[in-house]
Amino acid sequence: TLAPTATDYDNDYVEATGAAGIDVSVKTNSTGGMVLMVRCADAAPQIALADLLVRTPTAAGAGGSTMGSYSAITAANQALWSTGAVQHTWLTVTTDVRVQNLINYNDGSGAGTTDYTNTLTYTVVSQ
């Protein structure tokens, strides 16, 4: 849950990073490694996909890659993190999430807030 503050509105984005982000634990015995992918395939996403950004601060595994800079989420799988080798122990891959263009999302006319929800789907593919 992201709850924007006055400072977030001044910056025109709110984010959840590090421990406040989304954690996914992965491991594989595949000698080719694996790729952790993420997408938002909601039929009618409440937050525009161009405004919903993700990245991971988790270092890539041996011979792998990582999405280290914020990128807009898409409806198709995007490689978030990968390794090109066996990952025997559980590894936590953290997803930082940012919602930008906050002014585009209205709150209700009364007191309180308005909830906006998008579902992120993670997929692991062994190589």
C-alpha atoms as a PDB file:
ATOM      1  CA  THR A   1       0.000   0.000   0.000  1.00  0.00           C
ATOM      2  CA  LEU A   2       1.339   3.377  -1.014  1.00  0.00           C
ATOM      3  CA  ALA A   3      -0.051   6.379   0.878  1.00  0.00           C
ATOM      4  CA  PRO A   4       1.145   9.635  -0.721  1.00  0.00           C
ATOM      5  CA  THR A   5       2.181  12.508   1.516  1.00  0.00           C
ATOM      6  CA  ALA A   6       2.218  16.226   0.726  1.00  0.00           C
ATOM      7  CA  THR A   7       5.896  15.852  -0.232  1.00  0.00           C
ATOM      8  CA  ASP A   8       5.013  13.016  -2.624  1.00  0.00           C
ATOM      9  CA  TYR A   9       2.441  15.261  -4.322  1.00  0.00           C
ATOM     10  CA  ASP A  10       5.076  17.997  -4.603  1.00  0.00           C
ATOM     11  CA  ASN A  11       7.423  15.441  -6.228  1.00  0.00           C
ATOM     12  CA  ASP A  12       4.522  14.038  -8.322  1.00  0.00           C
ATOM     13  CA  TYR A  13       5.335  10.429  -7.377  1.00  0.00           C
ATOM     14  CA  VAL A  14       5.123   7.991  -4.474  1.00  0.00           C
ATOM     15  CA  GLU A  15       7.291   4.914  -4.126  1.00  0.00           C
ATOM     16  CA  ALA A  16       7.917   1.853  -2.007  1.00  0.00           C
ATOM     17  CA  THR A  17      11.575   0.851  -2.005  1.00  0.00           C
ATOM     18  CA  GLY A  18      13.762  -1.707  -0.274  1.00  0.00           C
ATOM     19  CA  ALA A  19      12.017  -3.393   2.664  1.00  0.00           C
ATOM     20  CA  ALA A  20       8.809  -1.494   1.807  1.00  0.00           C
ATOM     21  CA  GLY A  21       8.791  -2.929  -1.738  1.00  0.00           C
ATOM     22  CA  ILE A  22       7.652  -6.343  -2.956  1.00  0.00           C
ATOM     23  CA  ASP A  23       9.851  -9.357  -2.167  1.00  0.00           C
ATOM     24  CA  VAL A  24       9.939 -12.580  -4.199  1.00  0.00           C
ATOM     25  CA  SER A  25      12.071 -15.546  -3.121  1.00  0.00           C
ATOM     26  CA  VAL A  26      13.630 -17.619  -5.901  1.00  0.00           C
ATOM     27  CA  LYS A  27      15.962 -20.574  -6.309  1.00  0.00           C
ATOM     28  CA  THR A  28      16.795 -23.047  -9.070  1.00  0.00           C
ATOM     29  CA  ASN A  29      18.895 -26.133  -9.661  1.00  0.00           C
ATOM     30  CA  SER A  30      19.020 -25.412 -13.402  1.00  0.00           C
ATOM     31  CA  THR A  31      22.620 -25.069 -14.557  1.00  0.00           C
ATOM     32  CA  GLY A  32      21.405 -22.460 -17.054  1.00  0.00           C
ATOM     33  CA  GLY A  33      19.956 -20.301 -14.302  1.00  0.00           C
ATOM     34  CA  MET A  34      16.610 -18.526 -14.424  1.00  0.00           C
ATOM     35  CA  VAL A  35      14.802 -15.307 -15.241  1.00  0.00           C
ATOM     36  CA  LEU A  36      12.309 -13.618 -12.902  1.00  0.00           C
ATOM     37  CA  MET A  37       9.770 -11.708 -14.972  1.00  0.00           C
ATOM     38  CA  VAL A  38       7.025  -9.285 -13.970  1.00  0.00           C
ATOM     39  CA  ARG A  39       3.939  -7.934 -15.730  1.00  0.00           C
ATOM     40  CA  CYS A  40       0.600  -6.270 -15.076  1.00  0.00           C
ATOM     41  CA  ALA A  41      -1.953  -8.009 -17.257  1.00  0.00           C
ATOM     42  CA  ASP A  42      -5.027  -6.378 -15.684  1.00  0.00           C
ATOM     43  CA  ALA A  43      -7.743  -5.968 -18.317  1.00  0.00           C
ATOM     44  CA  ALA A  44      -8.487  -2.467 -17.017  1.00  0.00           C
ATOM     45  CA  PRO A  45      -5.605  -1.327 -14.804  1.00  0.00           C
ATOM     46  CA  GLN A  46      -6.605   1.400 -12.361  1.00  0.00           C
ATOM     47  CA  ILE A  47      -3.138   2.937 -12.451  1.00  0.00           C
ATOM     48  CA  ALA A  48      -2.027   3.622 -16.013  1.00  0.00           C
ATOM     49  CA  LEU A  49       0.812   1.249 -16.924  1.00  0.00           C
ATOM     50  CA  ALA A  50       2.935   4.198 -18.055  1.00  0.00           C
ATOM     51  CA  ASP A  51       2.600   5.623 -14.513  1.00  0.00           C
ATOM     52  CA  LEU A  52       3.462   2.358 -12.715  1.00  0.00           C
ATOM     53  CA  LEU A  53       7.222   1.887 -12.642  1.00  0.00           C
ATOM     54  CA  VAL A  54       9.322  -0.999 -11.288  1.00  0.00           C
ATOM     55  CA  ARG A  55      12.995  -1.793 -10.743  1.00  0.00           C
ATOM     56  CA  THR A  56      15.060  -4.075  -8.541  1.00  0.00           C
ATOM     57  CA  PRO A  57      18.005  -3.109  -6.372  1.00  0.00           C
ATOM     58  CA  THR A  58      18.897  -6.821  -6.092  1.00  0.00           C
ATOM     59  CA  ALA A  59      22.199  -7.592  -7.776  1.00  0.00           C
ATOM     60  CA  ALA A  60      21.989 -10.016 -10.688  1.00  0.00           C
ATOM     61  CA  GLY A  61      23.208 -13.562 -10.266  1.00  0.00           C
ATOM     62  CA  ALA A  62      26.342 -14.845 -11.999  1.00  0.00           C
ATOM     63  CA  GLY A  63      26.061 -14.128 -15.737  1.00  0.00           C
ATOM     64  CA  GLY A  64      22.618 -12.555 -15.261  1.00  0.00           C
ATOM     65  CA  SER A  65      21.098  -9.118 -15.516  1.00  0.00           C
ATOM     66  CA  THR A  66      18.851  -6.840 -13.516  1.00  0.00           C
ATOM     67  CA  MET A  67      16.341  -4.048 -14.207  1.00  0.00           C
ATOM     68  CA  GLY A  68      18.225  -1.479 -12.141  1.00  0.00           C
ATOM     69  CA  SER A  69      16.439   1.655 -13.386  1.00  0.00           C
ATOM     70  CA  TYR A  70      12.748   2.408 -13.111  1.00  0.00           C
ATOM     71  CA  SER A  71      10.837   1.186 -16.152  1.00  0.00           C
ATOM     72  CA  ALA A  72       7.128   1.376 -16.904  1.00  0.00           C
ATOM     73  CA  ILE A  73       5.362  -1.915 -16.290  1.00  0.00           C
ATOM     74  CA  THR A  74       3.767  -3.561 -19.314  1.00  0.00           C
ATOM     75  CA  ALA A  75       1.099  -6.196 -19.902  1.00  0.00           C
ATOM     76  CA  ALA A  76       3.789  -8.534 -21.296  1.00  0.00           C
ATOM     77  CA  ASN A  77       6.527 -10.217 -19.255  1.00  0.00           C
ATOM     78  CA  GLN A  78       9.597  -8.078 -18.614  1.00  0.00           C
ATOM     79  CA  ALA A  79      12.851  -9.473 -17.259  1.00  0.00           C
ATOM     80  CA  LEU A  80      13.279  -8.059 -13.752  1.00  0.00           C
ATOM     81  CA  TRP A  81      16.213 -10.187 -12.543  1.00  0.00           C
ATOM     82  CA  SER A  82      18.190 -13.168 -13.789  1.00  0.00           C
ATOM     83  CA  THR A  83      21.093 -15.470 -13.141  1.00  0.00           C
ATOM     84  CA  GLY A  84      22.983 -17.630 -15.592  1.00  0.00           C
ATOM     85  CA  ALA A  85      23.926 -20.205 -12.973  1.00  0.00           C
ATOM     86  CA  VAL A  86      22.460 -22.483 -10.328  1.00  0.00           C
ATOM     87  CA  GLN A  87      20.901 -20.631  -7.384  1.00  0.00           C
ATOM     88  CA  HIS A  88      20.852 -23.340  -4.691  1.00  0.00           C
ATOM     89  CA  THR A  89      19.741 -21.208  -1.754  1.00  0.00           C
ATOM     90  CA  TRP A  90      16.648 -19.035  -1.577  1.00  0.00           C
ATOM     91  CA  LEU A  91      17.392 -15.506  -2.770  1.00  0.00           C
ATOM     92  CA  THR A  92      15.062 -12.581  -2.111  1.00  0.00           C
ATOM     93  CA  VAL A  93      14.588 -10.332  -5.139  1.00  0.00           C
ATOM     94  CA  THR A  94      13.096  -6.981  -4.138  1.00  0.00           C
ATOM     95  CA  THR A  95      10.874  -4.952  -6.446  1.00  0.00           C
ATOM     96  CA  ASP A  96      10.801  -1.189  -5.897  1.00  0.00           C
ATOM     97  CA  VAL A  97       7.507   0.313  -7.072  1.00  0.00           C
ATOM     98  CA  ARG A  98       6.842   3.924  -8.080  1.00  0.00           C
ATOM     99  CA  VAL A  99       3.582   5.585  -9.136  1.00  0.00           C
ATOM    100  CA  GLN A 100       4.144   8.842 -10.984  1.00  0.00           C
ATOM    101  CA  ASN A 101       1.785  11.592 -12.197  1.00  0.00           C
ATOM    102  CA  LEU A 102      -0.111  11.547  -8.894  1.00  0.00           C
ATOM    103  CA  ILE A 103      -2.191  14.554  -9.917  1.00  0.00           C
ATOM    104  CA  ASN A 104      -3.963  12.287 -12.460  1.00  0.00           C
ATOM    105  CA  TYR A 105      -5.487  10.156  -9.667  1.00  0.00           C
ATOM    106  CA  ASN A 106      -8.402  11.740  -7.843  1.00  0.00           C
ATOM    107  CA  ASP A 107      -9.389  11.270  -4.226  1.00  0.00           C
ATOM    108  CA  GLY A 108     -13.047  11.103  -3.267  1.00  0.00           C
ATOM    109  CA  SER A 109     -14.887  14.373  -2.697  1.00  0.00           C
ATOM    110  CA  GLY A 110     -15.251  13.671   1.050  1.00  0.00           C
ATOM    111  CA  ALA A 111     -12.721  12.865   3.715  1.00  0.00           C
ATOM    112  CA  GLY A 112     -10.455   9.869   3.220  1.00  0.00           C
ATOM    113  CA  THR A 113      -8.671   8.409   0.250  1.00  0.00           C
ATOM    114  CA  THR A 114      -9.443   6.505  -2.922  1.00  0.00           C
ATOM    115  CA  ASP A 115      -7.910   3.076  -3.452  1.00  0.00           C
ATOM    116  CA  TYR A 116      -6.335   2.186  -6.804  1.00  0.00           C
ATOM    117  CA  THR A 117      -5.271  -1.403  -7.413  1.00  0.00           C
ATOM    118  CA  ASN A 118      -3.124  -3.129 -10.027  1.00  0.00           C
ATOM    119  CA  THR A 119      -2.049  -6.771  -9.859  1.00  0.00           C
ATOM    120  CA  LEU A 120       1.563  -7.616 -10.628  1.00  0.00           C
ATOM    121  CA  THR A 121       2.261 -11.168 -11.788  1.00  0.00           C
ATOM    122  CA  TYR A 122       5.693 -12.718 -11.368  1.00  0.00           C
ATOM    123  CA  THR A 123       6.882 -15.643 -13.508  1.00  0.00           C
ATOM    124  CA  VAL A 124      10.089 -17.646 -13.163  1.00  0.00           C
ATOM    125  CA  VAL A 125      11.533 -19.369 -16.219  1.00  0.00           C
ATOM    126  CA  SER A 126      14.474 -21.721 -15.873  1.00  0.00           C
ATOM    127  CA  GLN A 127      17.066 -21.623 -18.631  1.00  0.00           C
END
